[in-house]
Amino acid sequence: MRPINDGHVAEPGLAVVEVAAADDETAFAVQELLAAQWAIAPADRTTREPGEPGVRLRCFLDLRQRPDS
């Protein structure tokens, strides 16, 4: 995964969430739970780190906004 840059967390209420899960289905289910509560920039794929178990997913949250705004 690319490094998190200053713009991703430049203001209070912005967050980067990294999910580690056993499989893609679980990682995307967690992302959906987050999207139901806050505005997010969702990930469209997971990544696998060589030598590490499971998959990783990173999404960007804006806690200042509700998903329907």
C-alpha atoms as a PDB file:
ATOM      1  CA  MET A   1       0.000   0.000   0.000  1.00  0.00           C
ATOM      2  CA  ARG A   2       1.082   3.532  -0.637  1.00  0.00           C
ATOM      3  CA  PRO A   3       2.025   5.653   2.373  1.00  0.00           C
ATOM      4  CA  ILE A   4      -0.622   7.816   4.004  1.00  0.00           C
ATOM      5  CA  ASN A   5      -0.009  11.455   3.076  1.00  0.00           C
ATOM      6  CA  ASP A   6      -0.681  14.650   5.019  1.00  0.00           C
ATOM      7  CA  GLY A   7      -3.795  15.433   2.982  1.00  0.00           C
ATOM      8  CA  HIS A   8      -5.512  12.256   4.155  1.00  0.00           C
ATOM      9  CA  VAL A   9      -5.493  13.478   7.768  1.00  0.00           C
ATOM     10  CA  ALA A  10      -5.099  17.235   7.284  1.00  0.00           C
ATOM     11  CA  GLU A  11      -8.097  18.237   9.414  1.00  0.00           C
ATOM     12  CA  PRO A  12      -9.947  16.949  12.466  1.00  0.00           C
ATOM     13  CA  GLY A  13     -12.600  14.492  11.347  1.00  0.00           C
ATOM     14  CA  LEU A  14     -10.567  12.928   8.529  1.00  0.00           C
ATOM     15  CA  ALA A  15      -9.268   9.409   9.075  1.00  0.00           C
ATOM     16  CA  VAL A  16      -7.605   6.550   7.274  1.00  0.00           C
ATOM     17  CA  VAL A  17      -8.847   3.086   8.218  1.00  0.00           C
ATOM     18  CA  GLU A  18      -6.893  -0.026   7.386  1.00  0.00           C
ATOM     19  CA  VAL A  19      -8.736  -3.314   7.705  1.00  0.00           C
ATOM     20  CA  ALA A  20      -6.946  -6.627   8.062  1.00  0.00           C
ATOM     21  CA  ALA A  21      -9.220  -9.592   7.404  1.00  0.00           C
ATOM     22  CA  ALA A  22      -9.082 -13.266   6.530  1.00  0.00           C
ATOM     23  CA  ASP A  23     -10.658 -12.719   3.092  1.00  0.00           C
ATOM     24  CA  ASP A  24     -12.021 -10.135   0.661  1.00  0.00           C
ATOM     25  CA  GLU A  25     -15.637 -10.731   1.670  1.00  0.00           C
ATOM     26  CA  THR A  26     -14.928  -9.891   5.307  1.00  0.00           C
ATOM     27  CA  ALA A  27     -12.846  -6.812   4.462  1.00  0.00           C
ATOM     28  CA  PHE A  28     -15.568  -5.405   2.192  1.00  0.00           C
ATOM     29  CA  ALA A  29     -18.247  -6.161   4.815  1.00  0.00           C
ATOM     30  CA  VAL A  30     -16.341  -4.003   7.313  1.00  0.00           C
ATOM     31  CA  GLN A  31     -16.069  -1.245   4.712  1.00  0.00           C
ATOM     32  CA  GLU A  32     -19.846  -1.385   4.180  1.00  0.00           C
ATOM     33  CA  LEU A  33     -20.434  -1.015   7.925  1.00  0.00           C
ATOM     34  CA  LEU A  34     -18.260   2.106   7.946  1.00  0.00           C
ATOM     35  CA  ALA A  35     -20.007   3.497   4.852  1.00  0.00           C
ATOM     36  CA  ALA A  36     -23.381   3.183   6.577  1.00  0.00           C
ATOM     37  CA  GLN A  37     -22.228   5.611   9.272  1.00  0.00           C
ATOM     38  CA  TRP A  38     -19.855   8.080   7.600  1.00  0.00           C
ATOM     39  CA  ALA A  39     -18.872   9.459   4.232  1.00  0.00           C
ATOM     40  CA  ILE A  40     -16.012   7.375   2.867  1.00  0.00           C
ATOM     41  CA  ALA A  41     -13.805   7.044  -0.171  1.00  0.00           C
ATOM     42  CA  PRO A  42     -14.140   3.275  -0.546  1.00  0.00           C
ATOM     43  CA  ALA A  43     -11.513   0.848  -1.709  1.00  0.00           C
ATOM     44  CA  ASP A  44     -12.309  -1.206  -4.795  1.00  0.00           C
ATOM     45  CA  ARG A  45      -9.813  -3.982  -4.073  1.00  0.00           C
ATOM     46  CA  THR A  46      -7.814  -5.563  -1.287  1.00  0.00           C
ATOM     47  CA  THR A  47      -4.090  -6.217  -1.182  1.00  0.00           C
ATOM     48  CA  ARG A  48      -2.048  -9.147   0.057  1.00  0.00           C
ATOM     49  CA  GLU A  49       1.297  -8.645   1.774  1.00  0.00           C
ATOM     50  CA  PRO A  50       3.781 -11.440   1.066  1.00  0.00           C
ATOM     51  CA  GLY A  51       4.400 -13.510   4.175  1.00  0.00           C
ATOM     52  CA  GLU A  52       1.427 -12.028   6.068  1.00  0.00           C
ATOM     53  CA  PRO A  53      -1.922 -13.769   6.531  1.00  0.00           C
ATOM     54  CA  GLY A  54      -5.168 -12.499   5.024  1.00  0.00           C
ATOM     55  CA  VAL A  55      -5.869  -9.339   3.073  1.00  0.00           C
ATOM     56  CA  ARG A  56      -5.676  -5.603   3.702  1.00  0.00           C
ATOM     57  CA  LEU A  57      -8.096  -2.871   2.683  1.00  0.00           C
ATOM     58  CA  ARG A  58      -7.686   0.888   3.181  1.00  0.00           C
ATOM     59  CA  CYS A  59     -10.496   3.434   3.020  1.00  0.00           C
ATOM     60  CA  PHE A  60     -10.681   7.114   3.847  1.00  0.00           C
ATOM     61  CA  LEU A  61     -13.360   8.470   6.196  1.00  0.00           C
ATOM     62  CA  ASP A  62     -14.769  11.933   6.655  1.00  0.00           C
ATOM     63  CA  LEU A  63     -16.414  11.831  10.085  1.00  0.00           C
ATOM     64  CA  ARG A  64     -17.772  15.353   9.533  1.00  0.00           C
ATOM     65  CA  GLN A  65     -20.212  14.127   6.890  1.00  0.00           C
ATOM     66  CA  ARG A  66     -23.034  11.619   7.010  1.00  0.00           C
ATOM     67  CA  PRO A  67     -23.192   9.194   4.060  1.00  0.00           C
ATOM     68  CA  ASP A  68     -26.455  10.723   2.778  1.00  0.00           C
ATOM     69  CA  SER A  69     -25.140  14.305   2.620  1.00  0.00           C
END
